[in-house]
Amino acid sequence: MTALDTVERFFTAYYSGDAAATRDTITDDFSLIGPFAAAHSADEFFAVAEGLLTIVRGHRVLRTVVNGDDVAALYEIGIAGPAGIGWLPTGGWFTVTGDRVSSGQLIYDHATFDAIVSPA
């Protein structure tokens, strides 16, 4: 399995809202830094990601760049909001260790996120 395959497996599990499948795609010491929160273990990640798991509805990868075990991705996250599903442009840098994602760093537009999830 390539680093890109591993990251795509993580995306598919997480952005479908499947916590159990997501757990199988990350290392125990998985770390993630994003605009809203940071996590430094798999357990901490699920604690901070709990709310997002309830509103994600898929993803669309637009572009990727792979450099060894590192994958940079520009993608969109489908998020359920009051007006339906909105698409949040997101950028991320992920590191793969073995056959699991060991870290990631995300950026996205907070205003777009707020527009999707805020009541109309």
N, C-alpha and C. Protein backbone atom coordinates (compact mmCIF):
# COMPACT_ATOMS: atom_id res chain seq x y z
N MET A 1 0.85 -1.18 0.00
CA MET A 1 0.00 0.00 0.00
C MET A 1 0.89 1.24 0.00
N THR A 2 0.60 2.18 -0.87
CA THR A 2 1.39 3.41 -0.96
C THR A 2 0.93 4.41 0.11
N ALA A 3 1.73 5.45 0.32
CA ALA A 3 1.34 6.51 1.26
C ALA A 3 0.04 7.15 0.81
N LEU A 4 -0.12 7.36 -0.47
CA LEU A 4 -1.36 7.96 -0.98
C LEU A 4 -2.56 7.05 -0.71
N ASP A 5 -2.40 5.74 -0.91
CA ASP A 5 -3.47 4.79 -0.62
C ASP A 5 -3.86 4.86 0.86
N THR A 6 -2.87 4.97 1.73
CA THR A 6 -3.11 5.01 3.17
C THR A 6 -3.89 6.26 3.56
N VAL A 7 -3.49 7.41 3.01
CA VAL A 7 -4.20 8.65 3.31
C VAL A 7 -5.62 8.59 2.75
N GLU A 8 -5.80 8.05 1.58
CA GLU A 8 -7.14 7.93 1.01
C GLU A 8 -8.01 7.00 1.87
N ARG A 9 -7.43 5.95 2.41
CA ARG A 9 -8.17 5.05 3.30
C ARG A 9 -8.62 5.81 4.56
N PHE A 10 -7.74 6.66 5.11
CA PHE A 10 -8.09 7.50 6.25
C PHE A 10 -9.22 8.47 5.88
N PHE A 11 -9.08 9.17 4.75
CA PHE A 11 -10.11 10.10 4.31
C PHE A 11 -11.46 9.40 4.19
N THR A 12 -11.48 8.26 3.51
CA THR A 12 -12.73 7.54 3.27
C THR A 12 -13.40 7.15 4.58
N ALA A 13 -12.63 6.64 5.52
CA ALA A 13 -13.20 6.23 6.81
C ALA A 13 -13.69 7.45 7.59
N TYR A 14 -12.82 8.43 7.74
CA TYR A 14 -13.15 9.58 8.59
C TYR A 14 -14.28 10.42 8.01
N TYR A 15 -14.20 10.74 6.74
CA TYR A 15 -15.18 11.64 6.15
C TYR A 15 -16.49 10.95 5.79
N SER A 16 -16.59 9.65 6.10
CA SER A 16 -17.89 8.98 6.05
C SER A 16 -18.49 8.90 7.45
N GLY A 17 -17.73 9.37 8.46
CA GLY A 17 -18.22 9.38 9.84
C GLY A 17 -18.02 8.07 10.58
N ASP A 18 -17.18 7.17 10.07
CA ASP A 18 -16.98 5.85 10.66
C ASP A 18 -15.78 5.87 11.61
N ALA A 19 -16.03 6.07 12.90
CA ALA A 19 -14.96 6.17 13.90
C ALA A 19 -14.16 4.87 14.00
N ALA A 20 -14.81 3.73 13.98
CA ALA A 20 -14.11 2.45 14.13
C ALA A 20 -13.16 2.22 12.95
N ALA A 21 -13.62 2.47 11.75
CA ALA A 21 -12.75 2.30 10.58
C ALA A 21 -11.63 3.32 10.59
N THR A 22 -11.93 4.54 11.04
CA THR A 22 -10.89 5.57 11.12
C THR A 22 -9.80 5.14 12.08
N ARG A 23 -10.17 4.57 13.21
CA ARG A 23 -9.19 4.14 14.22
C ARG A 23 -8.20 3.16 13.62
N ASP A 24 -8.66 2.33 12.68
CA ASP A 24 -7.79 1.35 12.03
C ASP A 24 -6.82 1.97 11.03
N THR A 25 -6.99 3.27 10.74
CA THR A 25 -6.14 3.91 9.73
C THR A 25 -5.07 4.82 10.34
N ILE A 26 -5.08 4.99 11.68
CA ILE A 26 -4.13 5.91 12.32
C ILE A 26 -3.32 5.20 13.39
N THR A 27 -2.15 5.75 13.68
CA THR A 27 -1.29 5.19 14.72
C THR A 27 -1.79 5.61 16.11
N ASP A 28 -1.34 4.90 17.14
CA ASP A 28 -1.73 5.24 18.51
C ASP A 28 -1.27 6.64 18.90
N ASP A 29 -0.11 7.05 18.37
CA ASP A 29 0.43 8.37 18.69
C ASP A 29 0.11 9.41 17.62
N PHE A 30 -0.96 9.16 16.86
CA PHE A 30 -1.41 10.07 15.81
C PHE A 30 -1.54 11.49 16.36
N SER A 31 -1.00 12.45 15.62
CA SER A 31 -1.16 13.86 16.00
C SER A 31 -1.76 14.62 14.83
N LEU A 32 -2.61 15.58 15.19
CA LEU A 32 -3.26 16.40 14.17
C LEU A 32 -3.34 17.82 14.70
N ILE A 33 -2.96 18.76 13.84
CA ILE A 33 -3.05 20.17 14.18
C ILE A 33 -3.95 20.82 13.14
N GLY A 34 -4.96 21.54 13.63
CA GLY A 34 -5.90 22.19 12.73
C GLY A 34 -6.34 23.52 13.29
N PRO A 35 -7.20 24.21 12.55
CA PRO A 35 -7.64 25.54 12.96
C PRO A 35 -8.41 25.57 14.27
N PHE A 36 -9.12 24.50 14.60
CA PHE A 36 -9.95 24.50 15.80
C PHE A 36 -9.32 23.79 16.98
N ALA A 37 -8.47 22.82 16.73
CA ALA A 37 -7.96 22.01 17.83
C ALA A 37 -6.70 21.27 17.41
N ALA A 38 -6.02 20.74 18.41
CA ALA A 38 -4.86 19.89 18.18
C ALA A 38 -5.02 18.63 19.02
N ALA A 39 -4.49 17.53 18.51
CA ALA A 39 -4.53 16.26 19.23
C ALA A 39 -3.16 15.61 19.12
N HIS A 40 -2.76 14.94 20.19
CA HIS A 40 -1.42 14.32 20.21
C HIS A 40 -1.47 12.84 20.52
N SER A 41 -2.62 12.22 20.34
CA SER A 41 -2.79 10.77 20.42
C SER A 41 -4.09 10.43 19.71
N ALA A 42 -4.26 9.16 19.40
CA ALA A 42 -5.50 8.74 18.74
C ALA A 42 -6.70 9.02 19.63
N ASP A 43 -6.58 8.73 20.94
CA ASP A 43 -7.70 8.98 21.85
C ASP A 43 -8.06 10.46 21.91
N GLU A 44 -7.05 11.31 21.98
CA GLU A 44 -7.29 12.76 22.01
C GLU A 44 -7.92 13.23 20.70
N PHE A 45 -7.48 12.66 19.58
CA PHE A 45 -8.06 13.01 18.28
C PHE A 45 -9.55 12.72 18.26
N PHE A 46 -9.96 11.55 18.72
CA PHE A 46 -11.38 11.21 18.70
C PHE A 46 -12.18 12.07 19.68
N ALA A 47 -11.57 12.49 20.76
CA ALA A 47 -12.26 13.38 21.71
C ALA A 47 -12.54 14.74 21.07
N VAL A 48 -11.58 15.28 20.32
CA VAL A 48 -11.80 16.59 19.70
C VAL A 48 -12.57 16.49 18.39
N ALA A 49 -12.57 15.33 17.75
CA ALA A 49 -13.22 15.16 16.44
C ALA A 49 -14.65 14.64 16.55
N GLU A 50 -15.09 14.35 17.76
CA GLU A 50 -16.40 13.74 17.96
C GLU A 50 -17.53 14.50 17.28
N GLY A 51 -17.57 15.81 17.44
CA GLY A 51 -18.63 16.61 16.82
C GLY A 51 -18.58 16.60 15.31
N LEU A 52 -17.38 16.69 14.75
CA LEU A 52 -17.25 16.70 13.29
C LEU A 52 -17.70 15.38 12.68
N LEU A 53 -17.44 14.27 13.37
CA LEU A 53 -17.86 12.97 12.85
C LEU A 53 -19.37 12.89 12.62
N THR A 54 -20.13 13.69 13.33
CA THR A 54 -21.59 13.65 13.18
C THR A 54 -22.09 14.46 11.99
N ILE A 55 -21.26 15.34 11.44
CA ILE A 55 -21.74 16.20 10.34
C ILE A 55 -21.00 15.99 9.02
N VAL A 56 -19.93 15.19 9.01
CA VAL A 56 -19.21 14.96 7.74
C VAL A 56 -20.03 14.04 6.85
N ARG A 57 -19.99 14.31 5.56
CA ARG A 57 -20.77 13.54 4.60
C ARG A 57 -19.97 13.16 3.36
N GLY A 58 -18.67 13.08 3.49
CA GLY A 58 -17.87 12.66 2.35
C GLY A 58 -16.75 13.63 2.05
N HIS A 59 -16.01 13.32 1.02
CA HIS A 59 -14.89 14.16 0.61
C HIS A 59 -14.66 14.00 -0.89
N ARG A 60 -13.97 14.98 -1.45
CA ARG A 60 -13.54 14.94 -2.85
C ARG A 60 -12.11 15.43 -2.91
N VAL A 61 -11.19 14.59 -3.34
CA VAL A 61 -9.80 14.99 -3.46
C VAL A 61 -9.63 15.72 -4.79
N LEU A 62 -9.04 16.92 -4.71
CA LEU A 62 -8.83 17.73 -5.90
C LEU A 62 -7.41 17.56 -6.46
N ARG A 63 -6.42 17.56 -5.56
CA ARG A 63 -5.01 17.41 -5.97
C ARG A 63 -4.22 16.79 -4.83
N THR A 64 -3.21 16.02 -5.19
CA THR A 64 -2.29 15.48 -4.19
C THR A 64 -0.86 15.59 -4.70
N VAL A 65 0.05 15.67 -3.75
CA VAL A 65 1.48 15.62 -4.04
C VAL A 65 2.07 14.65 -3.03
N VAL A 66 2.83 13.68 -3.52
CA VAL A 66 3.43 12.68 -2.65
C VAL A 66 4.93 12.82 -2.68
N ASN A 67 5.53 12.80 -1.48
CA ASN A 67 6.98 12.86 -1.34
C ASN A 67 7.36 11.79 -0.31
N GLY A 68 7.66 10.61 -0.78
CA GLY A 68 7.98 9.51 0.13
C GLY A 68 6.77 9.15 0.97
N ASP A 69 6.91 9.30 2.30
CA ASP A 69 5.82 8.98 3.22
C ASP A 69 4.94 10.18 3.55
N ASP A 70 5.14 11.29 2.87
CA ASP A 70 4.36 12.50 3.10
C ASP A 70 3.41 12.74 1.93
N VAL A 71 2.17 13.10 2.26
CA VAL A 71 1.15 13.36 1.25
C VAL A 71 0.52 14.72 1.53
N ALA A 72 0.59 15.61 0.57
CA ALA A 72 -0.11 16.88 0.65
C ALA A 72 -1.37 16.74 -0.20
N ALA A 73 -2.49 17.21 0.34
CA ALA A 73 -3.75 17.06 -0.37
C ALA A 73 -4.55 18.35 -0.31
N LEU A 74 -5.12 18.71 -1.43
CA LEU A 74 -6.13 19.76 -1.51
C LEU A 74 -7.43 19.02 -1.77
N TYR A 75 -8.39 19.20 -0.88
CA TYR A 75 -9.63 18.44 -1.01
C TYR A 75 -10.80 19.22 -0.43
N GLU A 76 -11.99 18.69 -0.63
CA GLU A 76 -13.19 19.29 -0.09
C GLU A 76 -13.86 18.29 0.83
N ILE A 77 -14.39 18.81 1.94
CA ILE A 77 -15.11 17.98 2.89
C ILE A 77 -16.60 18.32 2.78
N GLY A 78 -17.43 17.31 2.59
CA GLY A 78 -18.87 17.51 2.60
C GLY A 78 -19.36 17.60 4.03
N ILE A 79 -20.01 18.71 4.39
CA ILE A 79 -20.48 18.92 5.76
C ILE A 79 -21.97 19.23 5.72
N ALA A 80 -22.72 18.53 6.57
CA ALA A 80 -24.16 18.74 6.67
C ALA A 80 -24.43 19.97 7.51
N GLY A 81 -25.16 20.91 6.94
CA GLY A 81 -25.55 22.12 7.64
C GLY A 81 -27.05 22.34 7.49
N PRO A 82 -27.56 23.43 8.03
CA PRO A 82 -28.99 23.71 7.97
C PRO A 82 -29.57 23.74 6.55
N ALA A 83 -28.79 24.18 5.58
CA ALA A 83 -29.28 24.28 4.20
C ALA A 83 -28.94 23.06 3.36
N GLY A 84 -28.38 22.01 3.99
CA GLY A 84 -27.97 20.83 3.24
C GLY A 84 -26.47 20.64 3.34
N ILE A 85 -25.91 19.96 2.37
CA ILE A 85 -24.48 19.68 2.39
C ILE A 85 -23.73 20.80 1.68
N GLY A 86 -22.73 21.34 2.37
CA GLY A 86 -21.83 22.33 1.79
C GLY A 86 -20.44 21.73 1.68
N TRP A 87 -19.65 22.27 0.79
CA TRP A 87 -18.31 21.73 0.56
C TRP A 87 -17.26 22.71 1.08
N LEU A 88 -16.42 22.22 1.98
CA LEU A 88 -15.40 23.02 2.64
C LEU A 88 -14.03 22.73 2.02
N PRO A 89 -13.45 23.69 1.28
CA PRO A 89 -12.10 23.49 0.75
C PRO A 89 -11.11 23.35 1.90
N THR A 90 -10.25 22.34 1.80
CA THR A 90 -9.32 22.01 2.88
C THR A 90 -7.97 21.64 2.30
N GLY A 91 -6.91 22.02 2.99
CA GLY A 91 -5.57 21.60 2.63
C GLY A 91 -4.98 20.83 3.79
N GLY A 92 -4.23 19.79 3.49
CA GLY A 92 -3.63 19.00 4.56
C GLY A 92 -2.31 18.41 4.15
N TRP A 93 -1.46 18.21 5.16
CA TRP A 93 -0.17 17.55 5.00
C TRP A 93 -0.17 16.37 5.95
N PHE A 94 0.00 15.16 5.43
CA PHE A 94 -0.10 13.94 6.22
C PHE A 94 1.18 13.12 6.10
N THR A 95 1.58 12.51 7.20
CA THR A 95 2.74 11.62 7.22
C THR A 95 2.25 10.21 7.51
N VAL A 96 2.76 9.26 6.75
CA VAL A 96 2.38 7.86 6.89
C VAL A 96 3.55 7.08 7.49
N THR A 97 3.23 6.25 8.47
CA THR A 97 4.21 5.36 9.09
C THR A 97 3.66 3.95 8.96
N GLY A 98 4.39 3.10 8.25
CA GLY A 98 3.88 1.76 7.98
C GLY A 98 2.66 1.85 7.09
N ASP A 99 1.55 1.30 7.57
CA ASP A 99 0.31 1.35 6.78
C ASP A 99 -0.76 2.21 7.46
N ARG A 100 -0.29 3.20 8.28
CA ARG A 100 -1.23 4.08 8.98
C ARG A 100 -0.76 5.53 8.91
N VAL A 101 -1.70 6.43 9.05
CA VAL A 101 -1.37 7.85 9.10
C VAL A 101 -0.91 8.18 10.52
N SER A 102 0.26 8.82 10.64
CA SER A 102 0.81 9.13 11.96
C SER A 102 0.68 10.60 12.34
N SER A 103 0.49 11.48 11.36
CA SER A 103 0.29 12.89 11.69
C SER A 103 -0.34 13.62 10.52
N GLY A 104 -0.91 14.77 10.88
CA GLY A 104 -1.51 15.62 9.86
C GLY A 104 -1.59 17.05 10.34
N GLN A 105 -1.61 17.95 9.39
CA GLN A 105 -1.82 19.36 9.67
C GLN A 105 -2.82 19.88 8.65
N LEU A 106 -3.88 20.54 9.13
CA LEU A 106 -4.96 20.99 8.26
C LEU A 106 -5.09 22.50 8.24
N ILE A 107 -5.53 23.02 7.11
CA ILE A 107 -5.92 24.42 7.01
C ILE A 107 -7.22 24.48 6.21
N TYR A 108 -8.11 25.38 6.60
CA TYR A 108 -9.32 25.64 5.83
C TYR A 108 -9.89 26.97 6.24
N ASP A 109 -10.83 27.43 5.45
CA ASP A 109 -11.41 28.74 5.64
C ASP A 109 -12.51 28.67 6.70
N HIS A 110 -12.24 29.27 7.83
CA HIS A 110 -13.18 29.27 8.95
C HIS A 110 -14.50 29.91 8.55
N ALA A 111 -14.48 30.95 7.74
CA ALA A 111 -15.71 31.63 7.32
C ALA A 111 -16.60 30.69 6.50
N THR A 112 -16.00 29.88 5.63
CA THR A 112 -16.79 28.93 4.85
C THR A 112 -17.41 27.89 5.76
N PHE A 113 -16.63 27.38 6.73
CA PHE A 113 -17.15 26.41 7.69
C PHE A 113 -18.34 27.01 8.43
N ASP A 114 -18.19 28.22 8.94
CA ASP A 114 -19.27 28.88 9.68
C ASP A 114 -20.52 29.06 8.81
N ALA A 115 -20.32 29.41 7.55
CA ALA A 115 -21.46 29.60 6.66
C ALA A 115 -22.22 28.30 6.44
N ILE A 116 -21.52 27.18 6.44
CA ILE A 116 -22.18 25.87 6.22
C ILE A 116 -22.95 25.45 7.47
N VAL A 117 -22.36 25.60 8.63
CA VAL A 117 -22.97 25.05 9.84
C VAL A 117 -23.86 26.02 10.61
N SER A 118 -23.82 27.29 10.28
CA SER A 118 -24.64 28.27 11.00
C SER A 118 -26.08 28.25 10.52
N PRO A 119 -27.02 28.49 11.43
CA PRO A 119 -28.43 28.56 11.00
C PRO A 119 -28.62 29.69 9.99
N ALA A 120 -29.50 29.46 9.05
CA ALA A 120 -29.76 30.45 7.99
C ALA A 120 -30.41 31.70 8.53
